[in-house]
């Protein structure tokens, strides 16, 4: 199992748009083989800063999702319309 932490900073005024878009991404994740659960966290000290935690059965399942056409579409839209900078992702793998 792996847990992925995806850190995002959004443009001022785009917080609600990002949160709505996350619900669409969550739906796409839930349809992916190997996805267990995901959550969106908002930084109370910086309302433009978010963390998405996502659990997957293995690295291959997560990689398949981030290379999917549905993820590419939302990522391109976010980069052009919503994000204040490049997202940072961290992957934590647990032993079997």
N, C-alpha and C. Protein backbone atom coordinates (compact mmCIF):
# COMPACT_ATOMS: atom_id res chain seq x y z
N UNK A 1 0.84 -1.17 0.00
CA UNK A 1 0.00 0.00 0.00
C UNK A 1 0.89 1.24 0.00
N UNK A 2 0.42 2.28 -0.70
CA UNK A 2 1.12 3.56 -0.67
C UNK A 2 0.13 4.66 -0.30
N UNK A 3 0.67 5.70 0.30
CA UNK A 3 -0.09 6.92 0.57
C UNK A 3 0.62 8.04 -0.17
N UNK A 4 -0.15 8.82 -0.89
CA UNK A 4 0.40 9.92 -1.67
C UNK A 4 -0.09 11.22 -1.06
N UNK A 5 0.83 12.13 -0.80
CA UNK A 5 0.50 13.48 -0.34
C UNK A 5 0.73 14.44 -1.49
N UNK A 6 -0.33 15.11 -1.92
CA UNK A 6 -0.26 16.04 -3.04
C UNK A 6 -0.53 17.44 -2.51
N UNK A 7 0.49 18.29 -2.55
CA UNK A 7 0.42 19.64 -1.99
C UNK A 7 0.15 20.66 -3.10
N UNK A 8 -0.85 21.50 -2.88
CA UNK A 8 -1.23 22.50 -3.87
C UNK A 8 -1.38 23.86 -3.22
N UNK A 9 -0.99 24.91 -3.93
CA UNK A 9 -1.28 26.29 -3.54
C UNK A 9 -2.06 26.88 -4.70
N UNK A 10 -3.24 27.43 -4.39
CA UNK A 10 -4.10 27.97 -5.44
C UNK A 10 -4.04 29.49 -5.46
N UNK A 11 -4.43 30.06 -6.57
CA UNK A 11 -4.48 31.50 -6.71
C UNK A 11 -5.54 32.07 -5.77
N UNK A 12 -5.29 33.26 -5.26
CA UNK A 12 -6.24 33.93 -4.38
C UNK A 12 -7.59 34.06 -5.08
N UNK A 13 -8.65 33.70 -4.38
CA UNK A 13 -9.99 33.78 -4.94
C UNK A 13 -10.43 32.52 -5.67
N UNK A 14 -9.53 31.56 -5.83
CA UNK A 14 -9.85 30.32 -6.56
C UNK A 14 -10.04 29.13 -5.63
N UNK A 15 -10.10 29.38 -4.33
CA UNK A 15 -10.21 28.29 -3.36
C UNK A 15 -11.46 27.44 -3.59
N UNK A 16 -12.61 28.07 -3.72
CA UNK A 16 -13.86 27.32 -3.90
C UNK A 16 -13.84 26.54 -5.22
N UNK A 17 -13.31 27.15 -6.26
CA UNK A 17 -13.21 26.46 -7.55
C UNK A 17 -12.34 25.22 -7.43
N UNK A 18 -11.23 25.32 -6.71
CA UNK A 18 -10.36 24.18 -6.49
C UNK A 18 -11.09 23.08 -5.73
N UNK A 19 -11.81 23.46 -4.69
CA UNK A 19 -12.52 22.48 -3.88
C UNK A 19 -13.59 21.75 -4.69
N UNK A 20 -14.30 22.48 -5.54
CA UNK A 20 -15.31 21.86 -6.41
C UNK A 20 -14.63 20.91 -7.40
N UNK A 21 -13.51 21.35 -7.98
CA UNK A 21 -12.78 20.51 -8.93
C UNK A 21 -12.27 19.24 -8.26
N UNK A 22 -11.88 19.34 -6.99
CA UNK A 22 -11.41 18.16 -6.27
C UNK A 22 -12.49 17.09 -6.22
N UNK A 23 -13.73 17.50 -6.05
CA UNK A 23 -14.81 16.50 -6.02
C UNK A 23 -14.86 15.72 -7.33
N UNK A 24 -14.58 16.37 -8.46
CA UNK A 24 -14.52 15.67 -9.74
C UNK A 24 -13.33 14.73 -9.81
N UNK A 25 -12.20 15.17 -9.30
CA UNK A 25 -11.01 14.32 -9.27
C UNK A 25 -11.24 13.13 -8.36
N UNK A 26 -11.89 13.36 -7.23
CA UNK A 26 -12.19 12.27 -6.30
C UNK A 26 -13.06 11.21 -6.97
N UNK A 27 -14.04 11.65 -7.72
CA UNK A 27 -14.91 10.70 -8.44
C UNK A 27 -14.08 9.87 -9.41
N UNK A 28 -13.17 10.52 -10.14
CA UNK A 28 -12.30 9.79 -11.08
C UNK A 28 -11.39 8.82 -10.33
N UNK A 29 -10.87 9.22 -9.18
CA UNK A 29 -10.01 8.34 -8.39
C UNK A 29 -10.78 7.11 -7.92
N UNK A 30 -12.01 7.32 -7.46
CA UNK A 30 -12.80 6.22 -6.93
C UNK A 30 -13.10 5.16 -7.98
N UNK A 31 -13.04 5.53 -9.24
CA UNK A 31 -13.30 4.60 -10.33
C UNK A 31 -12.04 3.85 -10.76
N UNK A 32 -10.89 4.23 -10.21
CA UNK A 32 -9.62 3.63 -10.60
C UNK A 32 -9.33 2.37 -9.80
N UNK A 33 -8.89 1.31 -10.49
CA UNK A 33 -8.46 0.11 -9.76
C UNK A 33 -7.31 0.44 -8.82
N UNK A 34 -7.37 -0.08 -7.61
CA UNK A 34 -6.30 0.12 -6.65
C UNK A 34 -6.46 1.32 -5.74
N UNK A 35 -7.44 2.20 -6.01
CA UNK A 35 -7.66 3.36 -5.14
C UNK A 35 -8.43 2.91 -3.90
N UNK A 36 -7.98 3.35 -2.73
CA UNK A 36 -8.65 3.00 -1.48
C UNK A 36 -9.48 4.17 -0.96
N UNK A 37 -8.83 5.30 -0.71
CA UNK A 37 -9.54 6.49 -0.24
C UNK A 37 -8.67 7.73 -0.44
N UNK A 38 -9.35 8.88 -0.49
CA UNK A 38 -8.66 10.17 -0.61
C UNK A 38 -9.40 11.22 0.21
N UNK A 39 -8.63 12.21 0.67
CA UNK A 39 -9.20 13.30 1.47
C UNK A 39 -8.52 14.62 1.07
N UNK A 40 -9.29 15.69 1.13
CA UNK A 40 -8.78 17.03 0.90
C UNK A 40 -8.66 17.74 2.23
N UNK A 41 -7.48 18.31 2.49
CA UNK A 41 -7.20 19.04 3.73
C UNK A 41 -6.86 20.48 3.37
N UNK A 42 -7.36 21.43 4.15
CA UNK A 42 -7.09 22.85 3.93
C UNK A 42 -6.27 23.38 5.10
N UNK A 43 -5.23 24.11 4.79
CA UNK A 43 -4.35 24.70 5.81
C UNK A 43 -5.07 25.88 6.47
N UNK A 44 -5.29 25.81 7.77
CA UNK A 44 -6.00 26.89 8.46
C UNK A 44 -5.16 28.17 8.56
N UNK A 45 -3.85 28.03 8.44
CA UNK A 45 -2.97 29.20 8.50
C UNK A 45 -2.82 29.87 7.13
N UNK A 46 -3.09 29.12 6.06
CA UNK A 46 -2.99 29.66 4.70
C UNK A 46 -4.11 29.05 3.88
N UNK A 47 -5.24 29.74 3.74
CA UNK A 47 -6.40 29.16 3.06
C UNK A 47 -6.20 28.87 1.58
N UNK A 48 -5.08 29.24 1.02
CA UNK A 48 -4.78 28.93 -0.37
C UNK A 48 -3.94 27.65 -0.49
N UNK A 49 -3.59 27.06 0.63
CA UNK A 49 -2.75 25.87 0.66
C UNK A 49 -3.59 24.63 1.00
N UNK A 50 -3.44 23.59 0.17
CA UNK A 50 -4.20 22.36 0.33
C UNK A 50 -3.29 21.14 0.28
N UNK A 51 -3.77 20.07 0.90
CA UNK A 51 -3.11 18.78 0.84
C UNK A 51 -4.18 17.75 0.49
N UNK A 52 -3.89 16.93 -0.49
CA UNK A 52 -4.74 15.78 -0.80
C UNK A 52 -3.95 14.55 -0.38
N UNK A 53 -4.55 13.74 0.49
CA UNK A 53 -3.94 12.45 0.82
C UNK A 53 -4.75 11.38 0.10
N UNK A 54 -4.02 10.44 -0.47
CA UNK A 54 -4.66 9.42 -1.29
C UNK A 54 -3.98 8.08 -1.03
N UNK A 55 -4.78 7.05 -0.77
CA UNK A 55 -4.24 5.72 -0.53
C UNK A 55 -4.53 4.83 -1.73
N UNK A 56 -3.49 4.06 -2.10
CA UNK A 56 -3.57 3.17 -3.27
C UNK A 56 -3.00 1.80 -2.88
N UNK A 57 -3.45 0.78 -3.57
CA UNK A 57 -2.96 -0.57 -3.28
C UNK A 57 -1.48 -0.71 -3.57
N UNK A 58 -1.00 0.01 -4.60
CA UNK A 58 0.41 -0.07 -4.96
C UNK A 58 0.78 1.11 -5.86
N UNK A 59 2.06 1.29 -6.08
CA UNK A 59 2.57 2.41 -6.88
C UNK A 59 2.07 2.35 -8.32
N UNK A 60 1.96 1.14 -8.88
CA UNK A 60 1.49 0.99 -10.26
C UNK A 60 0.08 1.51 -10.45
N UNK A 61 -0.79 1.30 -9.46
CA UNK A 61 -2.17 1.78 -9.56
C UNK A 61 -2.20 3.31 -9.56
N UNK A 62 -1.40 3.93 -8.68
CA UNK A 62 -1.34 5.40 -8.66
C UNK A 62 -0.75 5.94 -9.95
N UNK A 63 0.34 5.34 -10.42
CA UNK A 63 0.96 5.79 -11.66
C UNK A 63 -0.01 5.70 -12.83
N UNK A 64 -0.81 4.63 -12.87
CA UNK A 64 -1.80 4.48 -13.94
C UNK A 64 -2.80 5.63 -13.89
N UNK A 65 -3.21 6.03 -12.69
CA UNK A 65 -4.15 7.14 -12.57
C UNK A 65 -3.53 8.45 -13.04
N UNK A 66 -2.32 8.77 -12.59
CA UNK A 66 -1.75 10.07 -12.97
C UNK A 66 -1.36 10.14 -14.44
N UNK A 67 -1.31 9.00 -15.10
CA UNK A 67 -1.05 8.99 -16.54
C UNK A 67 -2.33 8.84 -17.36
N UNK A 68 -3.48 8.81 -16.67
CA UNK A 68 -4.76 8.65 -17.36
C UNK A 68 -5.18 9.96 -18.03
N UNK A 69 -6.01 9.84 -19.02
CA UNK A 69 -6.50 11.01 -19.75
C UNK A 69 -7.34 11.91 -18.84
N UNK A 70 -8.15 11.33 -17.94
CA UNK A 70 -8.98 12.15 -17.05
C UNK A 70 -8.12 12.99 -16.12
N UNK A 71 -7.03 12.43 -15.60
CA UNK A 71 -6.15 13.20 -14.73
C UNK A 71 -5.43 14.29 -15.52
N UNK A 72 -4.97 13.98 -16.72
CA UNK A 72 -4.27 14.97 -17.54
C UNK A 72 -5.15 16.18 -17.82
N UNK A 73 -6.43 15.94 -18.12
CA UNK A 73 -7.34 17.05 -18.42
C UNK A 73 -7.49 17.97 -17.22
N UNK A 74 -7.73 17.41 -16.05
CA UNK A 74 -7.93 18.25 -14.87
C UNK A 74 -6.62 18.92 -14.45
N UNK A 75 -5.50 18.23 -14.63
CA UNK A 75 -4.20 18.81 -14.26
C UNK A 75 -3.87 19.99 -15.16
N UNK A 76 -4.13 19.87 -16.45
CA UNK A 76 -3.86 20.98 -17.38
C UNK A 76 -4.75 22.17 -17.08
N UNK A 77 -6.01 21.93 -16.80
CA UNK A 77 -6.93 23.01 -16.46
C UNK A 77 -6.49 23.69 -15.17
N UNK A 78 -6.14 22.90 -14.17
CA UNK A 78 -5.69 23.47 -12.90
C UNK A 78 -4.45 24.31 -13.05
N UNK A 79 -3.50 23.81 -13.82
CA UNK A 79 -2.24 24.54 -14.03
C UNK A 79 -2.51 25.89 -14.68
N UNK A 80 -3.43 25.92 -15.63
CA UNK A 80 -3.69 27.14 -16.39
C UNK A 80 -4.63 28.11 -15.68
N UNK A 81 -5.53 27.60 -14.83
CA UNK A 81 -6.60 28.42 -14.28
C UNK A 81 -6.60 28.61 -12.76
N UNK A 82 -5.99 27.68 -12.02
CA UNK A 82 -6.22 27.63 -10.59
C UNK A 82 -4.95 27.72 -9.74
N UNK A 83 -3.92 27.02 -10.13
CA UNK A 83 -2.75 26.87 -9.26
C UNK A 83 -1.81 28.06 -9.29
N UNK A 84 -1.24 28.37 -8.12
CA UNK A 84 -0.29 29.47 -8.00
C UNK A 84 1.14 29.00 -8.25
N UNK A 85 1.34 27.71 -8.34
CA UNK A 85 2.66 27.15 -8.56
C UNK A 85 2.57 25.67 -8.86
N UNK A 86 3.70 25.07 -9.07
CA UNK A 86 3.75 23.65 -9.38
C UNK A 86 3.40 22.81 -8.14
N UNK A 87 2.53 21.80 -8.30
CA UNK A 87 2.20 20.94 -7.16
C UNK A 87 3.42 20.14 -6.71
N UNK A 88 3.43 19.76 -5.45
CA UNK A 88 4.49 18.90 -4.90
C UNK A 88 3.84 17.62 -4.41
N UNK A 89 4.36 16.50 -4.84
CA UNK A 89 3.83 15.19 -4.45
C UNK A 89 4.88 14.42 -3.67
N UNK A 90 4.43 13.70 -2.63
CA UNK A 90 5.30 12.81 -1.87
C UNK A 90 4.60 11.46 -1.79
N UNK A 91 5.38 10.40 -1.96
CA UNK A 91 4.83 9.05 -1.89
C UNK A 91 5.45 8.33 -0.71
N UNK A 92 4.59 7.74 0.11
CA UNK A 92 5.00 6.98 1.28
C UNK A 92 4.58 5.54 1.06
N UNK A 93 5.53 4.63 1.03
CA UNK A 93 5.23 3.22 0.80
C UNK A 93 5.38 2.44 2.09
N UNK A 94 4.40 1.59 2.35
CA UNK A 94 4.47 0.73 3.53
C UNK A 94 4.93 -0.65 3.11
N UNK A 95 5.65 -1.33 3.98
CA UNK A 95 6.14 -2.66 3.70
C UNK A 95 5.01 -3.66 3.67
N UNK A 96 5.21 -4.75 2.99
CA UNK A 96 4.17 -5.78 2.90
C UNK A 96 4.21 -6.70 4.08
